[in-house]
C-alpha cells in the first residue's frame, strides 16, 4: 500500500494501466486529449506490477485497470471517469488538481 501511495503522490494524475487493455488506452487518450500529462504505470511492464495490481484490488478497483488517481485520491476506473466526463465534472476536477490549465 505504501508503494502505491508514493506513486500516486508523484503527479496530480496517475493512471495504473496494462499495455494490452483497450479500455485503459481509451482513458489515457482522454486525459492526453485534455492536455493532461499523467504518470502512467503499465502493470504488465513494471517490476512488481502484480503486487500493485493486488493492492488496487484491495482498494476496490475492480477491474484493477484502469485505475485513476487525481490529487492522490482514487477516483475510479473507466466507468467513473467517463461518468465524470459526461457530467462535465472531470475537467473542473483536473483544474483543481493543477493538471489542467485551460
N, C-alpha and C. Protein backbone atom coordinates (compact mmCIF):
# COMPACT_ATOMS: atom_id res chain seq x y z
N UNK A 1 0.82 -1.19 0.00
CA UNK A 1 0.00 0.00 0.00
C UNK A 1 0.87 1.26 0.00
N UNK A 2 1.95 1.20 0.77
CA UNK A 2 2.84 2.36 0.86
C UNK A 2 3.44 2.70 -0.50
N UNK A 3 3.79 1.67 -1.25
CA UNK A 3 4.37 1.90 -2.58
C UNK A 3 3.37 2.62 -3.49
N UNK A 4 2.13 2.18 -3.48
CA UNK A 4 1.09 2.81 -4.31
C UNK A 4 0.88 4.26 -3.85
N UNK A 5 0.85 4.49 -2.55
CA UNK A 5 0.68 5.86 -2.04
C UNK A 5 1.80 6.78 -2.53
N UNK A 6 3.03 6.29 -2.54
CA UNK A 6 4.14 7.09 -3.04
C UNK A 6 3.99 7.37 -4.54
N UNK A 7 3.57 6.37 -5.27
CA UNK A 7 3.41 6.52 -6.72
C UNK A 7 2.33 7.54 -7.06
N UNK A 8 1.21 7.50 -6.35
CA UNK A 8 0.12 8.41 -6.68
C UNK A 8 0.38 9.84 -6.19
N UNK A 9 1.36 10.00 -5.32
CA UNK A 9 1.72 11.34 -4.85
C UNK A 9 2.66 12.07 -5.82
N UNK A 10 3.19 11.35 -6.80
CA UNK A 10 4.19 11.92 -7.71
C UNK A 10 3.65 13.02 -8.62
N UNK A 11 2.45 12.85 -9.10
CA UNK A 11 1.86 13.78 -10.08
C UNK A 11 0.40 13.99 -9.74
N UNK A 12 -0.19 15.08 -10.27
CA UNK A 12 -1.62 15.33 -10.00
C UNK A 12 -2.53 14.21 -10.52
N UNK A 13 -2.13 13.57 -11.63
CA UNK A 13 -2.94 12.49 -12.19
C UNK A 13 -2.05 11.27 -12.41
N UNK A 14 -2.49 10.15 -11.87
CA UNK A 14 -1.76 8.88 -12.02
C UNK A 14 -2.74 7.84 -12.52
N UNK A 15 -2.31 7.11 -13.54
CA UNK A 15 -3.14 6.05 -14.11
C UNK A 15 -2.38 4.74 -14.06
N UNK A 16 -2.98 3.73 -13.44
CA UNK A 16 -2.45 2.38 -13.49
C UNK A 16 -3.17 1.68 -14.63
N UNK A 17 -2.41 1.03 -15.48
CA UNK A 17 -2.94 0.50 -16.73
C UNK A 17 -2.25 -0.82 -17.04
N UNK A 18 -2.69 -1.43 -18.12
CA UNK A 18 -1.99 -2.56 -18.73
C UNK A 18 -1.86 -2.23 -20.21
N UNK A 19 -0.70 -2.51 -20.76
CA UNK A 19 -0.43 -2.12 -22.15
C UNK A 19 -1.38 -2.78 -23.14
N UNK A 20 -1.94 -3.92 -22.78
CA UNK A 20 -2.83 -4.65 -23.69
C UNK A 20 -4.31 -4.32 -23.50
N UNK A 21 -4.63 -3.42 -22.57
CA UNK A 21 -6.02 -3.11 -22.24
C UNK A 21 -6.53 -1.95 -23.08
N UNK A 22 -7.50 -2.21 -23.94
CA UNK A 22 -8.03 -1.16 -24.82
C UNK A 22 -8.80 -0.10 -24.04
N UNK A 23 -9.44 -0.48 -22.94
CA UNK A 23 -10.16 0.49 -22.12
C UNK A 23 -9.16 1.43 -21.45
N UNK A 24 -8.07 0.89 -20.95
CA UNK A 24 -7.02 1.73 -20.37
C UNK A 24 -6.48 2.70 -21.41
N UNK A 25 -6.28 2.22 -22.61
CA UNK A 25 -5.79 3.07 -23.69
C UNK A 25 -6.76 4.24 -23.94
N UNK A 26 -8.04 3.95 -23.93
CA UNK A 26 -9.05 5.00 -24.15
C UNK A 26 -9.01 6.05 -23.04
N UNK A 27 -8.86 5.62 -21.81
CA UNK A 27 -8.83 6.57 -20.69
C UNK A 27 -7.55 7.42 -20.77
N UNK A 28 -6.42 6.79 -21.08
CA UNK A 28 -5.17 7.55 -21.23
C UNK A 28 -5.31 8.56 -22.36
N UNK A 29 -5.94 8.17 -23.45
CA UNK A 29 -6.14 9.08 -24.59
C UNK A 29 -7.03 10.26 -24.21
N UNK A 30 -8.06 10.00 -23.43
CA UNK A 30 -8.95 11.07 -22.98
C UNK A 30 -8.16 12.14 -22.22
N UNK A 31 -7.34 11.71 -21.27
CA UNK A 31 -6.55 12.65 -20.50
C UNK A 31 -5.56 13.40 -21.38
N UNK A 32 -4.92 12.70 -22.28
CA UNK A 32 -3.96 13.34 -23.20
C UNK A 32 -4.67 14.34 -24.11
N UNK A 33 -5.89 14.03 -24.55
CA UNK A 33 -6.66 14.95 -25.37
C UNK A 33 -6.99 16.24 -24.61
N UNK A 34 -7.11 16.14 -23.29
CA UNK A 34 -7.34 17.32 -22.46
C UNK A 34 -6.07 18.14 -22.27
N UNK A 35 -4.92 17.55 -22.61
CA UNK A 35 -3.64 18.22 -22.38
C UNK A 35 -3.03 17.86 -21.04
N UNK A 36 -3.56 16.84 -20.40
CA UNK A 36 -3.04 16.38 -19.11
C UNK A 36 -1.91 15.40 -19.39
N UNK A 37 -0.86 15.49 -18.60
CA UNK A 37 0.28 14.59 -18.74
C UNK A 37 0.34 13.69 -17.50
N UNK A 38 -0.46 12.63 -17.47
CA UNK A 38 -0.50 11.79 -16.28
C UNK A 38 0.74 10.91 -16.16
N UNK A 39 1.04 10.51 -14.95
CA UNK A 39 2.01 9.44 -14.75
C UNK A 39 1.26 8.14 -15.05
N UNK A 40 1.79 7.35 -15.95
CA UNK A 40 1.13 6.10 -16.33
C UNK A 40 2.04 4.94 -15.96
N UNK A 41 1.49 3.99 -15.24
CA UNK A 41 2.22 2.79 -14.86
C UNK A 41 1.55 1.59 -15.51
N UNK A 42 2.26 0.96 -16.42
CA UNK A 42 1.77 -0.23 -17.10
C UNK A 42 2.13 -1.44 -16.22
N UNK A 43 1.15 -1.99 -15.55
CA UNK A 43 1.39 -3.04 -14.57
C UNK A 43 1.99 -4.31 -15.18
N UNK A 44 1.78 -4.52 -16.46
CA UNK A 44 2.36 -5.69 -17.10
C UNK A 44 3.78 -5.44 -17.60
N UNK A 45 4.30 -4.24 -17.37
CA UNK A 45 5.65 -3.91 -17.84
C UNK A 45 6.60 -3.47 -16.74
N UNK A 46 6.09 -3.22 -15.53
CA UNK A 46 6.96 -2.73 -14.47
C UNK A 46 7.24 -3.84 -13.46
N UNK A 47 8.40 -3.75 -12.79
CA UNK A 47 8.70 -4.74 -11.75
C UNK A 47 7.66 -4.69 -10.64
N UNK A 48 7.27 -5.83 -10.17
CA UNK A 48 6.31 -5.98 -9.07
C UNK A 48 4.93 -5.42 -9.43
N UNK A 49 4.62 -5.39 -10.71
CA UNK A 49 3.31 -4.92 -11.15
C UNK A 49 2.17 -5.75 -10.59
N UNK A 50 2.41 -7.05 -10.42
CA UNK A 50 1.39 -7.93 -9.86
C UNK A 50 1.04 -7.57 -8.42
N UNK A 51 2.04 -7.15 -7.65
CA UNK A 51 1.79 -6.72 -6.27
C UNK A 51 0.94 -5.45 -6.25
N UNK A 52 1.25 -4.54 -7.16
CA UNK A 52 0.47 -3.29 -7.24
C UNK A 52 -0.96 -3.61 -7.64
N UNK A 53 -1.10 -4.54 -8.57
CA UNK A 53 -2.43 -4.97 -9.01
C UNK A 53 -3.25 -5.48 -7.83
N UNK A 54 -2.64 -6.29 -6.97
CA UNK A 54 -3.33 -6.81 -5.79
C UNK A 54 -3.73 -5.68 -4.83
N UNK A 55 -2.86 -4.70 -4.69
CA UNK A 55 -3.17 -3.55 -3.83
C UNK A 55 -4.36 -2.79 -4.39
N UNK A 56 -4.38 -2.60 -5.71
CA UNK A 56 -5.50 -1.89 -6.35
C UNK A 56 -6.82 -2.63 -6.13
N UNK A 57 -6.77 -3.95 -6.22
CA UNK A 57 -7.98 -4.74 -5.96
C UNK A 57 -8.46 -4.55 -4.52
N UNK A 58 -7.52 -4.50 -3.57
CA UNK A 58 -7.89 -4.29 -2.17
C UNK A 58 -8.48 -2.89 -1.96
N UNK A 59 -8.07 -1.93 -2.78
CA UNK A 59 -8.62 -0.57 -2.69
C UNK A 59 -10.01 -0.46 -3.29
N UNK A 60 -10.44 -1.51 -3.97
CA UNK A 60 -11.77 -1.50 -4.56
C UNK A 60 -11.78 -1.32 -6.07
N UNK A 61 -10.62 -1.35 -6.69
CA UNK A 61 -10.54 -1.24 -8.15
C UNK A 61 -10.90 -2.60 -8.73
N UNK A 62 -12.06 -2.69 -9.33
CA UNK A 62 -12.46 -3.96 -9.93
C UNK A 62 -13.25 -3.69 -11.20
N UNK A 63 -12.70 -3.90 -12.37
CA UNK A 63 -11.38 -4.49 -12.61
C UNK A 63 -10.28 -3.54 -12.15
N UNK A 64 -9.09 -4.11 -12.01
CA UNK A 64 -7.99 -3.34 -11.42
C UNK A 64 -7.42 -2.26 -12.33
N UNK A 65 -7.65 -2.35 -13.63
CA UNK A 65 -7.19 -1.30 -14.54
C UNK A 65 -8.31 -0.95 -15.50
N UNK A 66 -8.39 0.28 -15.94
CA UNK A 66 -7.56 1.39 -15.48
C UNK A 66 -7.98 1.83 -14.09
N UNK A 67 -7.02 2.30 -13.33
CA UNK A 67 -7.27 2.87 -12.01
C UNK A 67 -6.71 4.28 -12.03
N UNK A 68 -7.57 5.27 -11.83
CA UNK A 68 -7.19 6.67 -11.95
C UNK A 68 -7.20 7.33 -10.58
N UNK A 69 -6.10 8.00 -10.29
CA UNK A 69 -5.94 8.78 -9.06
C UNK A 69 -5.75 10.23 -9.45
N UNK A 70 -6.48 11.11 -8.80
CA UNK A 70 -6.34 12.55 -9.02
C UNK A 70 -6.10 13.18 -7.66
N UNK A 71 -5.04 13.97 -7.58
CA UNK A 71 -4.63 14.60 -6.31
C UNK A 71 -4.41 13.56 -5.22
N UNK A 72 -3.87 12.41 -5.59
CA UNK A 72 -3.56 11.37 -4.62
C UNK A 72 -4.73 10.54 -4.17
N UNK A 73 -5.91 10.83 -4.67
CA UNK A 73 -7.12 10.10 -4.26
C UNK A 73 -7.61 9.20 -5.40
N UNK A 74 -8.05 8.01 -5.03
CA UNK A 74 -8.60 7.10 -6.03
C UNK A 74 -9.94 7.64 -6.50
N UNK A 75 -10.05 7.89 -7.82
CA UNK A 75 -11.29 8.40 -8.40
C UNK A 75 -12.12 7.26 -8.95
N UNK A 76 -11.46 6.28 -9.56
CA UNK A 76 -12.19 5.14 -10.09
C UNK A 76 -11.58 4.60 -11.35
N UNK A 77 -12.36 3.75 -11.99
CA UNK A 77 -11.95 3.16 -13.25
C UNK A 77 -12.62 3.86 -14.42
N UNK A 78 -12.71 3.17 -15.53
CA UNK A 78 -13.24 3.76 -16.75
C UNK A 78 -14.67 4.26 -16.58
N UNK A 79 -15.52 3.48 -15.93
CA UNK A 79 -16.92 3.90 -15.76
C UNK A 79 -17.03 5.21 -14.99
N UNK A 80 -16.28 5.32 -13.90
CA UNK A 80 -16.34 6.52 -13.08
C UNK A 80 -15.77 7.73 -13.83
N UNK A 81 -14.67 7.52 -14.55
CA UNK A 81 -14.06 8.63 -15.29
C UNK A 81 -14.99 9.10 -16.40
N UNK A 82 -15.58 8.18 -17.13
CA UNK A 82 -16.49 8.57 -18.21
C UNK A 82 -17.75 9.24 -17.66
N UNK A 83 -18.22 8.77 -16.52
CA UNK A 83 -19.38 9.39 -15.89
C UNK A 83 -19.07 10.83 -15.48
N UNK A 84 -17.90 11.05 -14.90
CA UNK A 84 -17.48 12.41 -14.55
C UNK A 84 -17.37 13.29 -15.80
N UNK A 85 -16.84 12.72 -16.86
CA UNK A 85 -16.68 13.46 -18.11
C UNK A 85 -18.05 13.85 -18.71
N UNK A 86 -18.97 12.91 -18.74
CA UNK A 86 -20.31 13.18 -19.29
C UNK A 86 -21.04 14.24 -18.46
N UNK A 87 -20.84 14.22 -17.16
CA UNK A 87 -21.48 15.21 -16.27
C UNK A 87 -20.71 16.54 -16.24
N UNK A 88 -19.65 16.62 -17.04
CA UNK A 88 -18.81 17.81 -17.14
C UNK A 88 -18.16 18.15 -15.79
N UNK A 89 -17.84 17.13 -15.03
CA UNK A 89 -17.19 17.30 -13.73
C UNK A 89 -15.70 16.97 -13.77
N UNK A 90 -15.26 16.27 -14.81
CA UNK A 90 -13.87 15.82 -14.85
C UNK A 90 -12.90 16.98 -15.05
N UNK A 91 -13.18 17.86 -16.00
CA UNK A 91 -12.26 18.98 -16.25
C UNK A 91 -12.10 19.88 -15.03
N UNK A 92 -13.20 20.27 -14.35
CA UNK A 92 -13.03 21.07 -13.14
C UNK A 92 -12.18 20.37 -12.07
N UNK A 93 -12.35 19.05 -11.95
CA UNK A 93 -11.57 18.28 -11.00
C UNK A 93 -10.09 18.33 -11.35
N UNK A 94 -9.80 18.22 -12.65
CA UNK A 94 -8.42 18.28 -13.12
C UNK A 94 -7.82 19.67 -12.92
N UNK A 95 -8.63 20.70 -13.10
CA UNK A 95 -8.17 22.07 -12.87
C UNK A 95 -7.81 22.27 -11.40
N UNK A 96 -8.68 21.80 -10.50
CA UNK A 96 -8.40 21.93 -9.07
C UNK A 96 -7.13 21.19 -8.67
N UNK A 97 -6.84 20.10 -9.37
CA UNK A 97 -5.64 19.31 -9.06
C UNK A 97 -4.37 19.94 -9.64
N UNK A 98 -4.55 20.96 -10.48
CA UNK A 98 -3.39 21.58 -11.11
C UNK A 98 -2.87 20.82 -12.31
N UNK A 99 -3.71 19.95 -12.87
CA UNK A 99 -3.30 19.14 -14.02
C UNK A 99 -3.80 19.71 -15.33
N UNK A 100 -4.67 20.71 -15.26
CA UNK A 100 -5.28 21.27 -16.46
C UNK A 100 -5.34 22.78 -16.27
N UNK A 101 -4.88 23.50 -17.28
CA UNK A 101 -4.81 24.95 -17.16
C UNK A 101 -5.77 25.68 -18.07
N UNK A 102 -6.52 24.96 -18.89
CA UNK A 102 -7.43 25.60 -19.83
C UNK A 102 -8.78 25.79 -19.21
